[in-house]
Amino acid sequence: MCMTHLKSDKPQTKLGILNMAVEVIMQLEQQVRVRNAKHSRRSQKKEEDSARAPYEMNRRNWRRGFEV
């Protein structure tokens, strides 16, 4: 949103400023969506791993019972 101003720059209209603001907001919203999607996938994977962990432990312990 910050821009350097040159002497050759024309004054911006309110509409131009609003359009730039809309673009910035849309870019930020997209970044938030991507970040939330990554977080959601990580959380889902953790839940799957924690749900699978007791089964994996029981299976390992069961095998150890037969080892001599």
PDB file of N, CA and C in Angstrom:
ATOM      1  N   MET A   1       0.829  -1.187   0.000  1.00  0.00           N
ATOM      2  CA  MET A   1       0.000   0.000   0.000  1.00  0.00           C
ATOM      3  C   MET A   1       0.871   1.246   0.000  1.00  0.00           C
ATOM      4  N   CYS A   2       2.053   1.150   0.544  1.00  0.00           N
ATOM      5  CA  CYS A   2       2.950   2.300   0.539  1.00  0.00           C
ATOM      6  C   CYS A   2       3.635   2.402  -0.812  1.00  0.00           C
ATOM      7  N   MET A   3       3.661   3.589  -1.333  1.00  0.00           N
ATOM      8  CA  MET A   3       4.300   3.806  -2.625  1.00  0.00           C
ATOM      9  C   MET A   3       5.155   5.059  -2.533  1.00  0.00           C
ATOM     10  N   THR A   4       6.235   5.081  -3.302  1.00  0.00           N
ATOM     11  CA  THR A   4       7.024   6.306  -3.377  1.00  0.00           C
ATOM     12  C   THR A   4       6.376   7.215  -4.406  1.00  0.00           C
ATOM     13  N   HIS A   5       6.380   8.470  -4.125  1.00  0.00           N
ATOM     14  CA  HIS A   5       5.740   9.434  -5.010  1.00  0.00           C
ATOM     15  C   HIS A   5       6.797  10.136  -5.844  1.00  0.00           C
ATOM     16  N   LEU A   6       6.524  10.228  -7.114  1.00  0.00           N
ATOM     17  CA  LEU A   6       7.395  10.947  -8.034  1.00  0.00           C
ATOM     18  C   LEU A   6       6.723  12.253  -8.427  1.00  0.00           C
ATOM     19  N   LYS A   7       7.513  13.194  -8.877  1.00  0.00           N
ATOM     20  CA  LYS A   7       6.933  14.473  -9.302  1.00  0.00           C
ATOM     21  C   LYS A   7       6.031  14.297 -10.516  1.00  0.00           C
ATOM     22  N   SER A   8       6.309  13.258 -11.298  1.00  0.00           N
ATOM     23  CA  SER A   8       5.504  13.034 -12.502  1.00  0.00           C
ATOM     24  C   SER A   8       4.199  12.299 -12.205  1.00  0.00           C
ATOM     25  N   ASP A   9       4.011  11.845 -10.959  1.00  0.00           N
ATOM     26  CA  ASP A   9       2.778  11.131 -10.610  1.00  0.00           C
ATOM     27  C   ASP A   9       1.582  12.076 -10.635  1.00  0.00           C
ATOM     28  N   LYS A  10       0.490  11.556 -11.144  1.00  0.00           N
ATOM     29  CA  LYS A  10      -0.756  12.313 -11.120  1.00  0.00           C
ATOM     30  C   LYS A  10      -1.404  12.088  -9.760  1.00  0.00           C
ATOM     31  N   PRO A  11      -2.176  13.054  -9.296  1.00  0.00           N
ATOM     32  CA  PRO A  11      -2.900  12.832  -8.036  1.00  0.00           C
ATOM     33  C   PRO A  11      -3.866  11.660  -8.205  1.00  0.00           C
ATOM     34  N   GLN A  12      -3.991  10.876  -7.166  1.00  0.00           N
ATOM     35  CA  GLN A  12      -4.878   9.720  -7.244  1.00  0.00           C
ATOM     36  C   GLN A  12      -6.299  10.133  -6.906  1.00  0.00           C
ATOM     37  N   THR A  13      -7.217   9.496  -7.593  1.00  0.00           N
ATOM     38  CA  THR A  13      -8.626   9.749  -7.302  1.00  0.00           C
ATOM     39  C   THR A  13      -9.053   8.843  -6.147  1.00  0.00           C
ATOM     40  N   LYS A  14     -10.158   9.183  -5.548  1.00  0.00           N
ATOM     41  CA  LYS A  14     -10.691   8.352  -4.466  1.00  0.00           C
ATOM     42  C   LYS A  14     -10.979   6.944  -4.972  1.00  0.00           C
ATOM     43  N   LEU A  15     -11.490   6.860  -6.194  1.00  0.00           N
ATOM     44  CA  LEU A  15     -11.790   5.551  -6.771  1.00  0.00           C
ATOM     45  C   LEU A  15     -10.513   4.733  -6.957  1.00  0.00           C
ATOM     46  N   GLY A  16      -9.454   5.381  -7.422  1.00  0.00           N
ATOM     47  CA  GLY A  16      -8.177   4.689  -7.598  1.00  0.00           C
ATOM     48  C   GLY A  16      -7.631   4.178  -6.277  1.00  0.00           C
ATOM     49  N   ILE A  17      -7.740   4.997  -5.241  1.00  0.00           N
ATOM     50  CA  ILE A  17      -7.272   4.589  -3.913  1.00  0.00           C
ATOM     51  C   ILE A  17      -8.104   3.419  -3.404  1.00  0.00           C
ATOM     52  N   LEU A  18      -9.419   3.487  -3.593  1.00  0.00           N
ATOM     53  CA  LEU A  18     -10.287   2.387  -3.159  1.00  0.00           C
ATOM     54  C   LEU A  18      -9.966   1.101  -3.913  1.00  0.00           C
ATOM     55  N   ASN A  19      -9.723   1.206  -5.209  1.00  0.00           N
ATOM     56  CA  ASN A  19      -9.372   0.020  -5.994  1.00  0.00           C
ATOM     57  C   ASN A  19      -8.076  -0.609  -5.491  1.00  0.00           C
ATOM     58  N   MET A  20      -7.091   0.230  -5.171  1.00  0.00           N
ATOM     59  CA  MET A  20      -5.830  -0.300  -4.634  1.00  0.00           C
ATOM     60  C   MET A  20      -6.067  -0.977  -3.287  1.00  0.00           C
ATOM     61  N   ALA A  21      -6.905  -0.361  -2.453  1.00  0.00           N
ATOM     62  CA  ALA A  21      -7.205  -0.944  -1.147  1.00  0.00           C
ATOM     63  C   ALA A  21      -7.899  -2.293  -1.303  1.00  0.00           C
ATOM     64  N   VAL A  22      -8.817  -2.389  -2.248  1.00  0.00           N
ATOM     65  CA  VAL A  22      -9.516  -3.656  -2.498  1.00  0.00           C
ATOM     66  C   VAL A  22      -8.522  -4.724  -2.925  1.00  0.00           C
ATOM     67  N   GLU A  23      -7.581  -4.376  -3.799  1.00  0.00           N
ATOM     68  CA  GLU A  23      -6.574  -5.342  -4.238  1.00  0.00           C
ATOM     69  C   GLU A  23      -5.734  -5.837  -3.069  1.00  0.00           C
ATOM     70  N   VAL A  24      -5.313  -4.912  -2.215  1.00  0.00           N
ATOM     71  CA  VAL A  24      -4.497  -5.294  -1.055  1.00  0.00           C
ATOM     72  C   VAL A  24      -5.289  -6.209  -0.134  1.00  0.00           C
ATOM     73  N   ILE A  25      -6.535  -5.858   0.133  1.00  0.00           N
ATOM     74  CA  ILE A  25      -7.379  -6.671   1.018  1.00  0.00           C
ATOM     75  C   ILE A  25      -7.590  -8.063   0.436  1.00  0.00           C
ATOM     76  N   MET A  26      -7.824  -8.138  -0.870  1.00  0.00           N
ATOM     77  CA  MET A  26      -8.029  -9.448  -1.498  1.00  0.00           C
ATOM     78  C   MET A  26      -6.758 -10.300  -1.414  1.00  0.00           C
ATOM     79  N   GLN A  27      -5.597  -9.687  -1.592  1.00  0.00           N
ATOM     80  CA  GLN A  27      -4.339 -10.430  -1.472  1.00  0.00           C
ATOM     81  C   GLN A  27      -4.151 -10.939  -0.046  1.00  0.00           C
ATOM     82  N   LEU A  28      -4.445 -10.094   0.931  1.00  0.00           N
ATOM     83  CA  LEU A  28      -4.315 -10.509   2.328  1.00  0.00           C
ATOM     84  C   LEU A  28      -5.291 -11.636   2.662  1.00  0.00           C
ATOM     85  N   GLU A  29      -6.517 -11.539   2.170  1.00  0.00           N
ATOM     86  CA  GLU A  29      -7.497 -12.603   2.404  1.00  0.00           C
ATOM     87  C   GLU A  29      -7.017 -13.921   1.812  1.00  0.00           C
ATOM     88  N   GLN A  30      -6.435 -13.867   0.629  1.00  0.00           N
ATOM     89  CA  GLN A  30      -5.918 -15.083  -0.011  1.00  0.00           C
ATOM     90  C   GLN A  30      -4.796 -15.691   0.830  1.00  0.00           C
ATOM     91  N   GLN A  31      -3.909 -14.844   1.339  1.00  0.00           N
ATOM     92  CA  GLN A  31      -2.818 -15.338   2.183  1.00  0.00           C
ATOM     93  C   GLN A  31      -3.367 -16.010   3.439  1.00  0.00           C
ATOM     94  N   VAL A  32      -4.395 -15.420   4.031  1.00  0.00           N
ATOM     95  CA  VAL A  32      -5.003 -16.000   5.234  1.00  0.00           C
ATOM     96  C   VAL A  32      -5.655 -17.333   4.901  1.00  0.00           C
ATOM     97  N   ARG A  33      -6.347 -17.422   3.756  1.00  0.00           N
ATOM     98  CA  ARG A  33      -6.970 -18.693   3.358  1.00  0.00           C
ATOM     99  C   ARG A  33      -5.926 -19.784   3.195  1.00  0.00           C
ATOM    100  N   VAL A  34      -4.821 -19.455   2.546  1.00  0.00           N
ATOM    101  CA  VAL A  34      -3.754 -20.444   2.337  1.00  0.00           C
ATOM    102  C   VAL A  34      -3.183 -20.876   3.680  1.00  0.00           C
ATOM    103  N   ARG A  35      -2.914 -19.915   4.562  1.00  0.00           N
ATOM    104  CA  ARG A  35      -2.363 -20.239   5.878  1.00  0.00           C
ATOM    105  C   ARG A  35      -3.329 -21.111   6.678  1.00  0.00           C
ATOM    106  N   ASN A  36      -4.609 -20.774   6.645  1.00  0.00           N
ATOM    107  CA  ASN A  36      -5.598 -21.557   7.384  1.00  0.00           C
ATOM    108  C   ASN A  36      -5.737 -22.963   6.811  1.00  0.00           C
ATOM    109  N   ALA A  37      -5.646 -23.089   5.492  1.00  0.00           N
ATOM    110  CA  ALA A  37      -5.740 -24.412   4.870  1.00  0.00           C
ATOM    111  C   ALA A  37      -4.559 -25.273   5.289  1.00  0.00           C
ATOM    112  N   LYS A  38      -3.366 -24.690   5.336  1.00  0.00           N
ATOM    113  CA  LYS A  38      -2.183 -25.439   5.769  1.00  0.00           C
ATOM    114  C   LYS A  38      -2.336 -25.866   7.222  1.00  0.00           C
ATOM    115  N   HIS A  39      -2.814 -24.938   8.062  1.00  0.00           N
ATOM    116  CA  HIS A  39      -3.004 -25.254   9.480  1.00  0.00           C
ATOM    117  C   HIS A  39      -4.049 -26.352   9.651  1.00  0.00           C
ATOM    118  N   SER A  40      -5.111 -26.274   8.868  1.00  0.00           N
ATOM    119  CA  SER A  40      -6.175 -27.272   8.948  1.00  0.00           C
ATOM    120  C   SER A  40      -5.650 -28.652   8.563  1.00  0.00           C
ATOM    121  N   ARG A  41      -4.841 -28.711   7.491  1.00  0.00           N
ATOM    122  CA  ARG A  41      -4.273 -29.995   7.067  1.00  0.00           C
ATOM    123  C   ARG A  41      -3.339 -30.551   8.135  1.00  0.00           C
ATOM    124  N   ARG A  42      -2.527 -29.666   8.759  1.00  0.00           N
ATOM    125  CA  ARG A  42      -1.613 -30.117   9.814  1.00  0.00           C
ATOM    126  C   ARG A  42      -2.398 -30.661  11.005  1.00  0.00           C
ATOM    127  N   SER A  43      -3.453 -29.956  11.399  1.00  0.00           N
ATOM    128  CA  SER A  43      -4.270 -30.396  12.530  1.00  0.00           C
ATOM    129  C   SER A  43      -4.940 -31.727  12.232  1.00  0.00           C
ATOM    130  N   GLN A  44      -5.442 -31.865  11.023  1.00  0.00           N
ATOM    131  CA  GLN A  44      -6.105 -33.103  10.633  1.00  0.00           C
ATOM    132  C   GLN A  44      -5.113 -34.263  10.658  1.00  0.00           C
ATOM    133  N   LYS A  45      -3.904 -34.034  10.184  1.00  0.00           N
ATOM    134  CA  LYS A  45      -2.888 -35.082  10.180  1.00  0.00           C
ATOM    135  C   LYS A  45      -2.527 -35.474  11.610  1.00  0.00           C
ATOM    136  N   LYS A  46      -2.398 -34.481  12.507  1.00  0.00           N
ATOM    137  CA  LYS A  46      -2.091 -34.781  13.908  1.00  0.00           C
ATOM    138  C   LYS A  46      -3.196 -35.629  14.530  1.00  0.00           C
ATOM    139  N   GLU A  47      -4.452 -35.286  14.227  1.00  0.00           N
ATOM    140  CA  GLU A  47      -5.571 -36.052  14.770  1.00  0.00           C
ATOM    141  C   GLU A  47      -5.546 -37.486  14.258  1.00  0.00           C
ATOM    142  N   GLU A  48      -5.248 -37.652  12.968  1.00  0.00           N
ATOM    143  CA  GLU A  48      -5.177 -38.999  12.400  1.00  0.00           C
ATOM    144  C   GLU A  48      -4.043 -39.787  13.040  1.00  0.00           C
ATOM    145  N   ASP A  49      -2.901 -39.136  13.225  1.00  0.00           N
ATOM    146  CA  ASP A  49      -1.757 -39.809  13.833  1.00  0.00           C
ATOM    147  C   ASP A  49      -2.045 -40.195  15.281  1.00  0.00           C
ATOM    148  N   SER A  50      -2.686 -39.292  16.030  1.00  0.00           N
ATOM    149  CA  SER A  50      -2.974 -39.604  17.428  1.00  0.00           C
ATOM    150  C   SER A  50      -4.046 -40.691  17.534  1.00  0.00           C
ATOM    151  N   ALA A  51      -4.965 -40.739  16.585  1.00  0.00           N
ATOM    152  CA  ALA A  51      -5.987 -41.786  16.593  1.00  0.00           C
ATOM    153  C   ALA A  51      -5.372 -43.134  16.228  1.00  0.00           C
ATOM    154  N   ARG A  52      -4.353 -43.111  15.400  1.00  0.00           N
ATOM    155  CA  ARG A  52      -3.700 -44.333  14.953  1.00  0.00           C
ATOM    156  C   ARG A  52      -2.663 -44.823  15.976  1.00  0.00           C
ATOM    157  N   ALA A  53      -2.142 -43.942  16.806  1.00  0.00           N
ATOM    158  CA  ALA A  53      -1.053 -44.275  17.727  1.00  0.00           C
ATOM    159  C   ALA A  53      -1.393 -45.425  18.683  1.00  0.00           C
ATOM    160  N   PRO A  54      -2.543 -45.447  19.349  1.00  0.00           N
ATOM    161  CA  PRO A  54      -2.824 -46.570  20.264  1.00  0.00           C
ATOM    162  C   PRO A  54      -2.846 -47.916  19.541  1.00  0.00           C
ATOM    163  N   TYR A  55      -3.384 -47.934  18.335  1.00  0.00           N
ATOM    164  CA  TYR A  55      -3.428 -49.172  17.565  1.00  0.00           C
ATOM    165  C   TYR A  55      -2.014 -49.642  17.249  1.00  0.00           C
ATOM    166  N   GLU A  56      -1.150 -48.721  16.842  1.00  0.00           N
ATOM    167  CA  GLU A  56       0.233 -49.069  16.515  1.00  0.00           C
ATOM    168  C   GLU A  56       0.953 -49.601  17.749  1.00  0.00           C
ATOM    169  N   MET A  57       0.741 -48.981  18.901  1.00  0.00           N
ATOM    170  CA  MET A  57       1.402 -49.438  20.137  1.00  0.00           C
ATOM    171  C   MET A  57       0.915 -50.834  20.511  1.00  0.00           C
ATOM    172  N   ASN A  58      -0.383 -51.079  20.428  1.00  0.00           N
ATOM    173  CA  ASN A  58      -0.912 -52.396  20.774  1.00  0.00           C
ATOM    174  C   ASN A  58      -0.363 -53.465  19.842  1.00  0.00           C
ATOM    175  N   ARG A  59      -0.247 -53.140  18.579  1.00  0.00           N
ATOM    176  CA  ARG A  59       0.270 -54.094  17.612  1.00  0.00           C
ATOM    177  C   ARG A  59       1.735 -54.413  17.907  1.00  0.00           C
ATOM    178  N   ARG A  60       2.534 -53.400  18.247  1.00  0.00           N
ATOM    179  CA  ARG A  60       3.945 -53.628  18.584  1.00  0.00           C
ATOM    180  C   ARG A  60       4.068 -54.475  19.850  1.00  0.00           C
ATOM    181  N   ASN A  61       3.277 -54.146  20.861  1.00  0.00           N
ATOM    182  CA  ASN A  61       3.338 -54.902  22.118  1.00  0.00           C
ATOM    183  C   ASN A  61       2.893 -56.347  21.905  1.00  0.00           C
ATOM    184  N   TRP A  62       1.917 -56.556  21.063  1.00  0.00           N
ATOM    185  CA  TRP A  62       1.437 -57.901  20.779  1.00  0.00           C
ATOM    186  C   TRP A  62       2.552 -58.719  20.143  1.00  0.00           C
ATOM    187  N   ARG A  63       3.298 -58.130  19.224  1.00  0.00           N
ATOM    188  CA  ARG A  63       4.404 -58.838  18.577  1.00  0.00           C
ATOM    189  C   ARG A  63       5.505 -59.160  19.581  1.00  0.00           C
ATOM    190  N   ARG A  64       5.777 -58.256  20.494  1.00  0.00           N
ATOM    191  CA  ARG A  64       6.833 -58.485  21.489  1.00  0.00           C
ATOM    192  C   ARG A  64       6.498 -59.670  22.391  1.00  0.00           C
ATOM    193  N   GLY A  65       5.228 -59.893  22.605  1.00  0.00           N
ATOM    194  CA  GLY A  65       4.828 -61.007  23.462  1.00  0.00           C
ATOM    195  C   GLY A  65       5.230 -62.351  22.889  1.00  0.00           C
ATOM    196  N   PHE A  66       5.406 -62.441  21.585  1.00  0.00           N
ATOM    197  CA  PHE A  66       5.778 -63.693  20.944  1.00  0.00           C
ATOM    198  C   PHE A  66       7.274 -63.825  20.732  1.00  0.00           C
ATOM    199  N   GLU A  67       8.021 -62.743  21.002  1.00  0.00           N
ATOM    200  CA  GLU A  67       9.471 -62.812  20.816  1.00  0.00           C
ATOM    201  C   GLU A  67      10.102 -63.561  21.976  1.00  0.00           C
ATOM    202  N   VAL A  68      11.087 -64.352  21.661  1.00  0.00           N
ATOM    203  CA  VAL A  68      11.777 -65.115  22.711  1.00  0.00           C
ATOM    204  C   VAL A  68      13.169 -64.590  22.882  1.00  0.00           C
TER     205      VAL A  68
END
